[in-house]
C-alpha atoms as a PDB file:
ATOM      1  CA  MET A   1      79.731  76.448 126.502  1.00  0.00           C
ATOM      2  CA  ASN A   2      81.122  72.972 125.805  1.00  0.00           C
ATOM      3  CA  PRO A   3      84.126  71.722 127.829  1.00  0.00           C
ATOM      4  CA  GLU A   4      86.668  72.319 125.044  1.00  0.00           C
ATOM      5  CA  ALA A   5      85.421  75.862 124.416  1.00  0.00           C
ATOM      6  CA  LYS A   6      85.593  76.546 128.146  1.00  0.00           C
ATOM      7  CA  LYS A   7      89.214  75.386 128.268  1.00  0.00           C
ATOM      8  CA  ARG A   8      90.105  77.600 125.300  1.00  0.00           C
ATOM      9  CA  ALA A   9      88.453  80.585 126.956  1.00  0.00           C
ATOM     10  CA  GLU A  10      90.375  79.943 130.177  1.00  0.00           C
ATOM     11  CA  ARG A  11      93.679  79.728 128.294  1.00  0.00           C
ATOM     12  CA  LEU A  12      92.887  83.006 126.568  1.00  0.00           C
ATOM     13  CA  LYS A  13      92.022  84.691 129.878  1.00  0.00           C
ATOM     14  CA  GLN A  14      95.266  83.419 131.395  1.00  0.00           C
ATOM     15  CA  SER A  15      97.296  84.632 128.411  1.00  0.00           C
ATOM     16  CA  ILE A  16      95.675  88.073 128.323  1.00  0.00           C
ATOM     17  CA  LYS A  17      96.178  88.565 132.052  1.00  0.00           C
ATOM     18  CA  ALA A  18      99.862  87.623 131.768  1.00  0.00           C
ATOM     19  CA  ALA A  19     100.268  89.980 128.792  1.00  0.00           C
ATOM     20  CA  GLY A  20      98.895  93.019 130.624  1.00  0.00           C
ATOM     21  CA  GLY A  21      95.127  92.887 130.299  1.00  0.00           C
ATOM     22  CA  ASN A  22      92.377  93.374 127.722  1.00  0.00           C
ATOM     23  CA  GLU A  23      93.158  96.924 126.637  1.00  0.00           C
ATOM     24  CA  LEU A  24      96.859  96.328 126.083  1.00  0.00           C
ATOM     25  CA  VAL A  25      96.294  93.069 124.199  1.00  0.00           C
ATOM     26  CA  ALA A  26      93.526  94.655 122.115  1.00  0.00           C
ATOM     27  CA  ALA A  27      95.856  97.474 121.109  1.00  0.00           C
ATOM     28  CA  ARG A  28      98.651  95.086 120.189  1.00  0.00           C
ATOM     29  CA  ALA A  29      96.315  92.833 118.196  1.00  0.00           C
ATOM     30  CA  GLY A  30      94.450  95.669 116.499  1.00  0.00           C
ATOM     31  CA  MET A  31      91.135  94.311 117.776  1.00  0.00           C
ATOM     32  CA  GLY A  32      88.288  95.713 119.817  1.00  0.00           C
ATOM     33  CA  THR A  33      88.040  94.985 123.530  1.00  0.00           C
ATOM     34  CA  THR A  34      84.428  93.880 123.001  1.00  0.00           C
ATOM     35  CA  THR A  35      85.561  91.167 120.599  1.00  0.00           C
ATOM     36  CA  ILE A  36      88.256  89.967 122.979  1.00  0.00           C
ATOM     37  CA  SER A  37      85.824  89.916 125.906  1.00  0.00           C
ATOM     38  CA  GLY A  38      83.389  87.912 123.790  1.00  0.00           C
ATOM     39  CA  TYR A  39      86.052  85.314 123.057  1.00  0.00           C
ATOM     40  CA  GLN A  40      86.823  84.993 126.766  1.00  0.00           C
ATOM     41  CA  ASN A  41      83.129  84.429 127.437  1.00  0.00           C
ATOM     42  CA  GLY A  42      82.777  81.592 124.958  1.00  0.00           C
ATOM     43  CA  LYS A  43      82.001  83.304 121.658  1.00  0.00           C
ATOM     44  CA  GLU A  44      83.246  81.322 118.660  1.00  0.00           C
ATOM     45  CA  TRP A  45      86.741  82.355 117.608  1.00  0.00           C
ATOM     46  CA  LYS A  46      87.615  83.551 114.131  1.00  0.00           C
ATOM     47  CA  LEU A  47      90.696  81.757 112.886  1.00  0.00           C
ATOM     48  CA  THR A  48      91.982  84.988 111.397  1.00  0.00           C
ATOM     49  CA  ASN A  49      92.096  86.489 114.902  1.00  0.00           C
ATOM     50  CA  ILE A  50      93.854  83.596 116.628  1.00  0.00           C
ATOM     51  CA  GLU A  51      97.275  84.535 115.280  1.00  0.00           C
ATOM     52  CA  LYS A  52      96.773  88.173 116.256  1.00  0.00           C
ATOM     53  CA  LEU A  53      95.830  87.255 119.819  1.00  0.00           C
ATOM     54  CA  ALA A  54      98.659  84.741 120.131  1.00  0.00           C
ATOM     55  CA  GLU A  55     101.243  87.253 118.944  1.00  0.00           C
ATOM     56  CA  ALA A  56      99.853  89.963 121.216  1.00  0.00           C
ATOM     57  CA  CYS A  57     100.037  87.614 124.206  1.00  0.00           C
ATOM     58  CA  GLY A  58     103.411  86.094 123.342  1.00  0.00           C
ATOM     59  CA  VAL A  59     102.107  82.527 123.050  1.00  0.00           C
ATOM     60  CA  SER A  60     101.631  80.095 120.188  1.00  0.00           C
ATOM     61  CA  PRO A  61      98.302  79.833 118.337  1.00  0.00           C
ATOM     62  CA  ALA A  62      98.456  76.095 118.979  1.00  0.00           C
ATOM     63  CA  TRP A  63      98.540  76.609 122.733  1.00  0.00           C
ATOM     64  CA  LEU A  64      95.528  78.913 122.635  1.00  0.00           C
ATOM     65  CA  LEU A  65      93.573  76.450 120.522  1.00  0.00           C
ATOM     66  CA  PHE A  66      94.486  73.126 122.052  1.00  0.00           C
ATOM     67  CA  GLY A  67      96.728  73.646 125.085  1.00  0.00           C
ATOM     68  CA  ASP A  68      99.801  71.620 125.914  1.00  0.00           C
ATOM     69  CA  GLU A  69     100.286  69.733 129.150  1.00  0.00           C
ATOM     70  CA  GLY A  70     103.149  71.005 131.230  1.00  0.00           C
ATOM     71  CA  GLN A  71     103.261  74.383 129.524  1.00  0.00           C
ATOM     72  CA  SER A  72     101.845  77.795 130.326  1.00  0.00           C
ATOM     73  CA  PRO A  73     101.813  81.101 128.438  1.00  0.00           C
ATOM     74  CA  ALA A  74     105.016  82.153 130.210  1.00  0.00           C
ATOM     75  CA  VAL A  75     107.021  79.208 128.873  1.00  0.00           C
ATOM     76  CA  SER A  76     105.100  78.167 125.757  1.00  0.00           C
ATOM     77  CA  GLU A  77     107.379  78.319 122.732  1.00  0.00           C
ATOM     78  CA  LYS A  78     106.197  80.908 120.269  1.00  0.00           C
ATOM     79  CA  LYS A  79     106.002  79.549 116.755  1.00  0.00           C
ATOM     80  CA  SER A  80     103.462  81.842 115.183  1.00  0.00           C
ATOM     81  CA  PRO A  81     102.454  81.110 111.589  1.00  0.00           C
ATOM     82  CA  ALA A  82     103.688  83.734 109.183  1.00  0.00           C
ATOM     83  CA  SER A  83     103.159  84.632 105.578  1.00  0.00           C
ATOM     84  CA  PRO A  84     104.880  82.344 103.083  1.00  0.00           C
ATOM     85  CA  GLU A  85     108.490  83.387 102.575  1.00  0.00           C
ATOM     86  CA  LYS A  86     111.413  82.444 100.390  1.00  0.00           C
ATOM     87  CA  ALA A  87     113.940  80.051 101.945  1.00  0.00           C
ATOM     88  CA  ASP A  88     116.225  80.140  98.905  1.00  0.00           C
ATOM     89  CA  GLU A  89     115.905  80.346  95.146  1.00  0.00           C
ATOM     90  CA  LYS A  90     114.300  76.909  94.910  1.00  0.00           C
ATOM     91  CA  THR A  91     112.354  76.535  98.150  1.00  0.00           C
ATOM     92  CA  LYS A  92     109.289  78.188  99.632  1.00  0.00           C
ATOM     93  CA  LEU A  93     108.295  77.949 103.287  1.00  0.00           C
ATOM     94  CA  ILE A  94     104.619  77.706 104.178  1.00  0.00           C
ATOM     95  CA  SER A  95     103.618  77.798 107.823  1.00  0.00           C
ATOM     96  CA  GLY A  96     101.570  74.813 108.843  1.00  0.00           C
ATOM     97  CA  TYR A  97     100.182  72.639 111.571  1.00  0.00           C
ATOM     98  CA  ASP A  98     101.033  69.030 112.329  1.00  0.00           C
ATOM     99  CA  VAL A  99      97.337  68.422 112.824  1.00  0.00           C
ATOM    100  CA  GLU A 100      95.621  66.064 110.408  1.00  0.00           C
ATOM    101  CA  LEU A 101      92.484  67.196 108.624  1.00  0.00           C
ATOM    102  CA  SER A 102      90.294  64.148 108.162  1.00  0.00           C
ATOM    103  CA  ALA A 103      89.361  63.055 104.671  1.00  0.00           C
ATOM    104  CA  GLY A 104      87.302  60.316 106.295  1.00  0.00           C
ATOM    105  CA  PHE A 105      84.696  60.466 109.032  1.00  0.00           C
ATOM    106  CA  GLY A 106      86.671  62.948 111.120  1.00  0.00           C
ATOM    107  CA  PHE A 107      89.526  63.056 113.605  1.00  0.00           C
ATOM    108  CA  THR A 108      89.389  64.815 116.940  1.00  0.00           C
ATOM    109  CA  ALA A 109      91.972  67.585 116.990  1.00  0.00           C
ATOM    110  CA  ASN A 110      95.280  66.543 118.534  1.00  0.00           C
ATOM    111  CA  PRO A 111      95.569  68.197 121.976  1.00  0.00           C
ATOM    112  CA  HIS A 112      99.347  68.361 121.502  1.00  0.00           C
ATOM    113  CA  ILE A 113      99.219  70.201 118.184  1.00  0.00           C
ATOM    114  CA  GLU A 114     102.359  72.171 117.356  1.00  0.00           C
ATOM    115  CA  VAL A 115     102.937  74.761 114.669  1.00  0.00           C
ATOM    116  CA  VAL A 116     105.387  73.567 112.037  1.00  0.00           C
ATOM    117  CA  SER A 117     106.448  74.641 108.538  1.00  0.00           C
ATOM    118  CA  PHE A 118     106.589  72.809 105.253  1.00  0.00           C
ATOM    119  CA  SER A 119     109.376  73.437 102.757  1.00  0.00           C
ATOM    120  CA  ILE A 120     108.016  73.118  99.223  1.00  0.00           C
ATOM    121  CA  SER A 121     109.955  73.414  95.984  1.00  0.00           C
ATOM    122  CA  SER A 122     109.155  76.573  94.061  1.00  0.00           C
ATOM    123  CA  ASP A 123     109.204  74.439  90.927  1.00  0.00           C
ATOM    124  CA  VAL A 124     105.956  72.742  91.946  1.00  0.00           C
ATOM    125  CA  LEU A 125     104.206  75.474  93.929  1.00  0.00           C
ATOM    126  CA  PRO A 126     102.201  77.923  91.769  1.00  0.00           C
ATOM    127  CA  THR A 127     103.501  81.476  92.160  1.00  0.00           C
ATOM    128  CA  GLU A 128      99.893  82.667  92.403  1.00  0.00           C
ATOM    129  CA  LEU A 129      99.750  81.148  95.887  1.00  0.00           C
ATOM    130  CA  LEU A 130     102.494  83.467  97.119  1.00  0.00           C
ATOM    131  CA  LYS A 131     100.612  86.682  96.468  1.00  0.00           C
ATOM    132  CA  PRO A 132     100.467  89.053  99.485  1.00  0.00           C
ATOM    133  CA  TYR A 133      96.717  88.618  99.941  1.00  0.00           C
ATOM    134  CA  ARG A 134      97.077  84.892 100.526  1.00  0.00           C
ATOM    135  CA  LYS A 135      97.204  83.582 104.105  1.00  0.00           C
ATOM    136  CA  LEU A 136      98.373  80.019 103.746  1.00  0.00           C
ATOM    137  CA  ILE A 137      98.767  77.117 106.136  1.00  0.00           C
ATOM    138  CA  ALA A 138      99.641  73.520 105.358  1.00  0.00           C
ATOM    139  CA  VAL A 139      98.266  70.358 106.961  1.00  0.00           C
ATOM    140  CA  ARG A 140      98.172  66.634 106.245  1.00  0.00           C
ATOM    141  CA  ALA A 141      95.013  64.799 105.234  1.00  0.00           C
ATOM    142  CA  ARG A 142      94.080  61.394 106.619  1.00  0.00           C
ATOM    143  CA  GLY A 143      91.408  59.013 105.386  1.00  0.00           C
ATOM    144  CA  GLY A 144      90.030  57.945 102.035  1.00  0.00           C
ATOM    145  CA  SER A 145      86.809  59.898 101.615  1.00  0.00           C
ATOM    146  CA  MET A 146      88.300  62.484  99.244  1.00  0.00           C
ATOM    147  CA  GLU A 147      90.098  60.010  96.996  1.00  0.00           C
ATOM    148  CA  PRO A 148      91.223  60.277  94.276  1.00  0.00           C
ATOM    149  CA  TYR A 149      91.515  64.087  94.598  1.00  0.00           C
ATOM    150  CA  ILE A 150      93.115  63.951  98.058  1.00  0.00           C
ATOM    151  CA  CYS A 151      94.703  60.771  99.371  1.00  0.00           C
ATOM    152  CA  SER A 152      95.640  59.854 102.907  1.00  0.00           C
ATOM    153  CA  GLY A 153      98.975  61.461 103.771  1.00  0.00           C
ATOM    154  CA  ASP A 154      98.765  64.240 101.197  1.00  0.00           C
ATOM    155  CA  ILE A 155      99.931  67.702 102.217  1.00  0.00           C
ATOM    156  CA  ILE A 156      97.202  70.214 101.469  1.00  0.00           C
ATOM    157  CA  VAL A 157      97.509  73.991 101.561  1.00  0.00           C
ATOM    158  CA  LEU A 158      94.585  76.111 102.746  1.00  0.00           C
ATOM    159  CA  ASP A 159      94.072  79.824 102.259  1.00  0.00           C
ATOM    160  CA  LEU A 160      92.614  81.242 105.479  1.00  0.00           C
ATOM    161  CA  ASN A 161      91.570  84.372 103.591  1.00  0.00           C
ATOM    162  CA  ASP A 162      89.487  82.373 101.116  1.00  0.00           C
ATOM    163  CA  ARG A 163      86.398  81.192 102.969  1.00  0.00           C
ATOM    164  CA  SER A 164      83.694  82.266 100.524  1.00  0.00           C
ATOM    165  CA  ILE A 165      81.713  79.257  99.374  1.00  0.00           C
ATOM    166  CA  PHE A 166      81.568  78.425  95.697  1.00  0.00           C
ATOM    167  CA  THR A 167      80.095  75.262  94.244  1.00  0.00           C
ATOM    168  CA  GLY A 168      82.636  72.494  93.850  1.00  0.00           C
ATOM    169  CA  GLY A 169      85.322  74.007  96.064  1.00  0.00           C
ATOM    170  CA  VAL A 170      87.170  71.884  98.626  1.00  0.00           C
ATOM    171  CA  TYR A 171      87.468  73.348 102.121  1.00  0.00           C
ATOM    172  CA  GLY A 172      88.921  72.610 105.522  1.00  0.00           C
ATOM    173  CA  LEU A 173      86.084  72.566 108.064  1.00  0.00           C
ATOM    174  CA  ARG A 174      85.793  72.479 111.823  1.00  0.00           C
ATOM    175  CA  VAL A 175      82.687  70.642 112.983  1.00  0.00           C
ATOM    176  CA  GLY A 176      82.542  70.737 116.772  1.00  0.00           C
ATOM    177  CA  ASP A 177      85.884  69.291 117.863  1.00  0.00           C
ATOM    178  CA  GLN A 178      86.547  67.586 114.531  1.00  0.00           C
ATOM    179  CA  LEU A 179      88.603  68.813 111.596  1.00  0.00           C
ATOM    180  CA  LEU A 180      87.450  67.742 108.131  1.00  0.00           C
ATOM    181  CA  VAL A 181      88.200  68.353 104.463  1.00  0.00           C
ATOM    182  CA  LYS A 182      85.149  68.176 102.174  1.00  0.00           C
ATOM    183  CA  ARG A 183      83.781  69.425  98.865  1.00  0.00           C
ATOM    184  CA  LEU A 184      81.008  72.017  99.203  1.00  0.00           C
ATOM    185  CA  SER A 185      78.213  72.650  96.705  1.00  0.00           C
ATOM    186  CA  VAL A 186      75.368  75.151  96.926  1.00  0.00           C
ATOM    187  CA  ARG A 187      72.019  73.703  95.832  1.00  0.00           C
ATOM    188  CA  ALA A 188      69.243  75.556  94.000  1.00  0.00           C
ATOM    189  CA  ASN A 189      67.213  75.796  97.235  1.00  0.00           C
ATOM    190  CA  GLY A 190      70.109  77.507  99.012  1.00  0.00           C
ATOM    191  CA  ASN A 191      71.126  74.470 101.028  1.00  0.00           C
ATOM    192  CA  LEU A 192      74.737  73.335 101.173  1.00  0.00           C
ATOM    193  CA  THR A 193      75.915  69.844 100.280  1.00  0.00           C
ATOM    194  CA  VAL A 194      78.989  68.636 102.170  1.00  0.00           C
ATOM    195  CA  ALA A 195      80.322  65.807 100.058  1.00  0.00           C
ATOM    196  CA  SER A 196      83.194  63.386  99.694  1.00  0.00           C
ATOM    197  CA  ASP A 197      84.711  62.526  96.324  1.00  0.00           C
ATOM    198  CA  ASN A 198      84.728  58.846  97.287  1.00  0.00           C
ATOM    199  CA  PRO A 199      81.184  57.511  96.616  1.00  0.00           C
ATOM    200  CA  ARG A 200      81.438  55.147  99.587  1.00  0.00           C
ATOM    201  CA  TYR A 201      80.958  58.126 101.902  1.00  0.00           C
ATOM    202  CA  PRO A 202      77.417  59.578 101.890  1.00  0.00           C
ATOM    203  CA  PRO A 203      77.006  63.365 101.619  1.00  0.00           C
ATOM    204  CA  ASP A 204      75.494  65.615 104.270  1.00  0.00           C
ATOM    205  CA  GLU A 205      73.272  68.630 103.707  1.00  0.00           C
ATOM    206  CA  ILE A 206      73.177  71.903 105.628  1.00  0.00           C
ATOM    207  CA  SER A 207      70.158  74.185 105.498  1.00  0.00           C
ATOM    208  CA  ALA A 208      70.389  77.663 103.995  1.00  0.00           C
ATOM    209  CA  ALA A 209      69.939  79.207 107.462  1.00  0.00           C
ATOM    210  CA  GLU A 210      72.794  77.152 108.927  1.00  0.00           C
ATOM    211  CA  MET A 211      74.903  77.954 105.895  1.00  0.00           C
ATOM    212  CA  ARG A 212      74.558  81.683 106.514  1.00  0.00           C
ATOM    213  CA  GLN A 213      75.628  81.198 110.115  1.00  0.00           C
ATOM    214  CA  MET A 214      78.824  79.485 108.969  1.00  0.00           C
ATOM    215  CA  THR A 215      80.180  82.828 107.784  1.00  0.00           C
ATOM    216  CA  GLU A 216      79.279  84.645 110.996  1.00  0.00           C
ATOM    217  CA  ASP A 217      81.576  84.689 114.004  1.00  0.00           C
ATOM    218  CA  GLY A 218      80.036  82.475 116.669  1.00  0.00           C
ATOM    219  CA  GLY A 219      76.983  81.680 114.583  1.00  0.00           C
ATOM    220  CA  SER A 220      77.441  77.975 114.014  1.00  0.00           C
ATOM    221  CA  PRO A 221      79.293  74.915 115.357  1.00  0.00           C
ATOM    222  CA  ILE A 222      80.474  74.430 111.766  1.00  0.00           C
ATOM    223  CA  THR A 223      83.284  76.747 110.695  1.00  0.00           C
ATOM    224  CA  ILE A 224      85.067  77.083 107.369  1.00  0.00           C
ATOM    225  CA  ILE A 225      88.806  77.184 108.080  1.00  0.00           C
ATOM    226  CA  GLY A 226      89.821  77.964 104.514  1.00  0.00           C
ATOM    227  CA  ARG A 227      89.736  76.711 100.941  1.00  0.00           C
ATOM    228  CA  VAL A 228      92.132  74.026  99.728  1.00  0.00           C
ATOM    229  CA  VAL A 229      94.213  75.793  97.084  1.00  0.00           C
ATOM    230  CA  TRP A 230      96.977  73.249  96.533  1.00  0.00           C
ATOM    231  CA  ARG A 231      97.874  69.672  97.363  1.00  0.00           C
ATOM    232  CA  MET A 232     100.976  67.509  97.192  1.00  0.00           C
ATOM    233  CA  GLY A 233     100.486  63.761  97.000  1.00  0.00           C
ATOM    234  CA  MET A 234     102.415  61.645  99.464  1.00  0.00           C
ATOM    235  CA  GLY A 235     100.461  58.394  99.101  1.00  0.00           C
ATOM    236  CA  LEU A 236     100.713  57.372 102.753  1.00  0.00           C
ATOM    237  CA  SER A 237      98.438  54.670 104.103  1.00  0.00           C
END
């Protein structure tokens, strides 16, 4: 278990203990105790389960993932991401993270990440993205590797429930301790190309075996966070 994974596991153990133990948290989260025990022992976490565990323990998903100096589960402010909701007739709220997905060579995740929300005009946000089956979060992109499709400073919206790979789709990825946004393409031999739209950045290739592990909990150091389903250009440098 790498140092960051060990810290996450310790935070989860601390949170579960404070919330009443494995069985109680499992019942609240609607998860099996075996799965929760596996997470405490270093098994790779599914992003779809992080919110459930955080809510069951009364902490923020950000604290479980990255910690926050000076805070503990007992005093950590709970700002759990929720489904998109209507703020008024002209505004939609999408839960998000003030973490920056790298559209360059990769940024290490901010240890002081905090859950935030983006207010987006309903005039520019497709109504299709507000369907009940969508699980949306919003983040900012940094770097120039995905230009001109995604520019540094753009707000991008990811659907956590859309992690199936299709050729040409753009996805948020976690590679070790880095967060990236890249275009994925499946080759004829089953391998996966991880590419940037900017030709100055060379593509990477993942074998078919590694690709299969990406969709399995704990199977690979590379995890698909979700597919980029919308973007709003900000043009920041």
